[in-house]
Amino acid sequence: MWRAKLYFADILGADLLKAATSGGAVVEDLSLTGADGTPLCASVHLPRVLLHIAES
């Protein structure tokens, strides 16, 4: 099993507010493969993680 640490603090307050007020969710997308082709097992920060708000 692969794991990566994603940090809540990386999400902008405006994005959190938008998700909370719209009933949506903050979605983080990332590849679980590192730049060298091996599994990503590390702390992952922006810009490697792509964030968007999923509207309900």
C-alpha atoms as a PDB file:
ATOM      1  CA  MET A   1       0.000   0.000   0.000  1.00  0.00           C
ATOM      2  CA  TRP A   2       1.259   3.466  -0.874  1.00  0.00           C
ATOM      3  CA  ARG A   3       0.722   6.469   1.319  1.00  0.00           C
ATOM      4  CA  ALA A   4       1.378  10.146   1.103  1.00  0.00           C
ATOM      5  CA  LYS A   5       0.808  12.900   3.632  1.00  0.00           C
ATOM      6  CA  LEU A   6      -1.396  15.705   2.361  1.00  0.00           C
ATOM      7  CA  TYR A   7      -1.467  18.917   4.363  1.00  0.00           C
ATOM      8  CA  PHE A   8      -4.722  20.632   5.248  1.00  0.00           C
ATOM      9  CA  ALA A   9      -2.759  23.851   5.855  1.00  0.00           C
ATOM     10  CA  ASP A  10      -1.921  24.006   2.115  1.00  0.00           C
ATOM     11  CA  ILE A  11      -5.572  24.681   1.266  1.00  0.00           C
ATOM     12  CA  LEU A  12      -6.400  28.378   0.969  1.00  0.00           C
ATOM     13  CA  GLY A  13      -8.979  29.758   3.391  1.00  0.00           C
ATOM     14  CA  ALA A  14     -11.054  31.049   0.458  1.00  0.00           C
ATOM     15  CA  ASP A  15     -11.260  27.531  -0.981  1.00  0.00           C
ATOM     16  CA  LEU A  16     -12.352  26.112   2.363  1.00  0.00           C
ATOM     17  CA  LEU A  17     -15.002  28.813   2.714  1.00  0.00           C
ATOM     18  CA  LYS A  18     -16.294  28.176  -0.812  1.00  0.00           C
ATOM     19  CA  ALA A  19     -16.540  24.431  -0.164  1.00  0.00           C
ATOM     20  CA  ALA A  20     -18.238  24.937   3.205  1.00  0.00           C
ATOM     21  CA  THR A  21     -20.817  27.436   1.939  1.00  0.00           C
ATOM     22  CA  SER A  22     -21.638  25.550  -1.261  1.00  0.00           C
ATOM     23  CA  GLY A  23     -21.986  22.157   0.386  1.00  0.00           C
ATOM     24  CA  GLY A  24     -19.138  20.952  -1.798  1.00  0.00           C
ATOM     25  CA  ALA A  25     -15.820  19.367  -0.946  1.00  0.00           C
ATOM     26  CA  VAL A  26     -12.147  20.170  -1.381  1.00  0.00           C
ATOM     27  CA  VAL A  27     -10.690  17.506  -3.678  1.00  0.00           C
ATOM     28  CA  GLU A  28      -6.960  16.837  -3.953  1.00  0.00           C
ATOM     29  CA  ASP A  29      -5.619  15.000  -7.001  1.00  0.00           C
ATOM     30  CA  LEU A  30      -2.110  13.634  -7.243  1.00  0.00           C
ATOM     31  CA  SER A  31      -0.097  10.926  -8.896  1.00  0.00           C
ATOM     32  CA  LEU A  32       1.182   8.231  -6.555  1.00  0.00           C
ATOM     33  CA  THR A  33       4.277   7.801  -8.727  1.00  0.00           C
ATOM     34  CA  GLY A  34       7.355   9.887  -7.962  1.00  0.00           C
ATOM     35  CA  ALA A  35       9.431  11.751 -10.548  1.00  0.00           C
ATOM     36  CA  ASP A  36      11.871   8.820 -10.680  1.00  0.00           C
ATOM     37  CA  GLY A  37       9.109   6.263 -11.341  1.00  0.00           C
ATOM     38  CA  THR A  38       9.075   4.783  -7.842  1.00  0.00           C
ATOM     39  CA  PRO A  39       6.052   4.861  -5.518  1.00  0.00           C
ATOM     40  CA  LEU A  40       5.414   8.223  -3.875  1.00  0.00           C
ATOM     41  CA  CYS A  41       5.678   7.724  -0.110  1.00  0.00           C
ATOM     42  CA  ALA A  42       6.321  11.161   1.270  1.00  0.00           C
ATOM     43  CA  SER A  43       4.928  14.475   2.336  1.00  0.00           C
ATOM     44  CA  VAL A  44       3.224  16.096  -0.625  1.00  0.00           C
ATOM     45  CA  HIS A  45       2.684  19.851  -0.952  1.00  0.00           C
ATOM     46  CA  LEU A  46       1.442  22.238  -3.612  1.00  0.00           C
ATOM     47  CA  PRO A  47       2.026  22.388  -6.589  1.00  0.00           C
ATOM     48  CA  ARG A  48       2.391  18.580  -6.799  1.00  0.00           C
ATOM     49  CA  VAL A  49      -1.148  18.271  -5.435  1.00  0.00           C
ATOM     50  CA  LEU A  50      -3.898  19.756  -7.602  1.00  0.00           C
ATOM     51  CA  LEU A  51      -6.797  21.185  -5.605  1.00  0.00           C
ATOM     52  CA  HIS A  52     -10.315  21.953  -6.738  1.00  0.00           C
ATOM     53  CA  ILE A  53     -13.739  22.433  -5.209  1.00  0.00           C
ATOM     54  CA  ALA A  54     -16.323  19.775  -6.065  1.00  0.00           C
ATOM     55  CA  GLU A  55     -19.728  21.435  -6.116  1.00  0.00           C
ATOM     56  CA  SER A  56     -22.662  19.451  -4.773  1.00  0.00           C
END
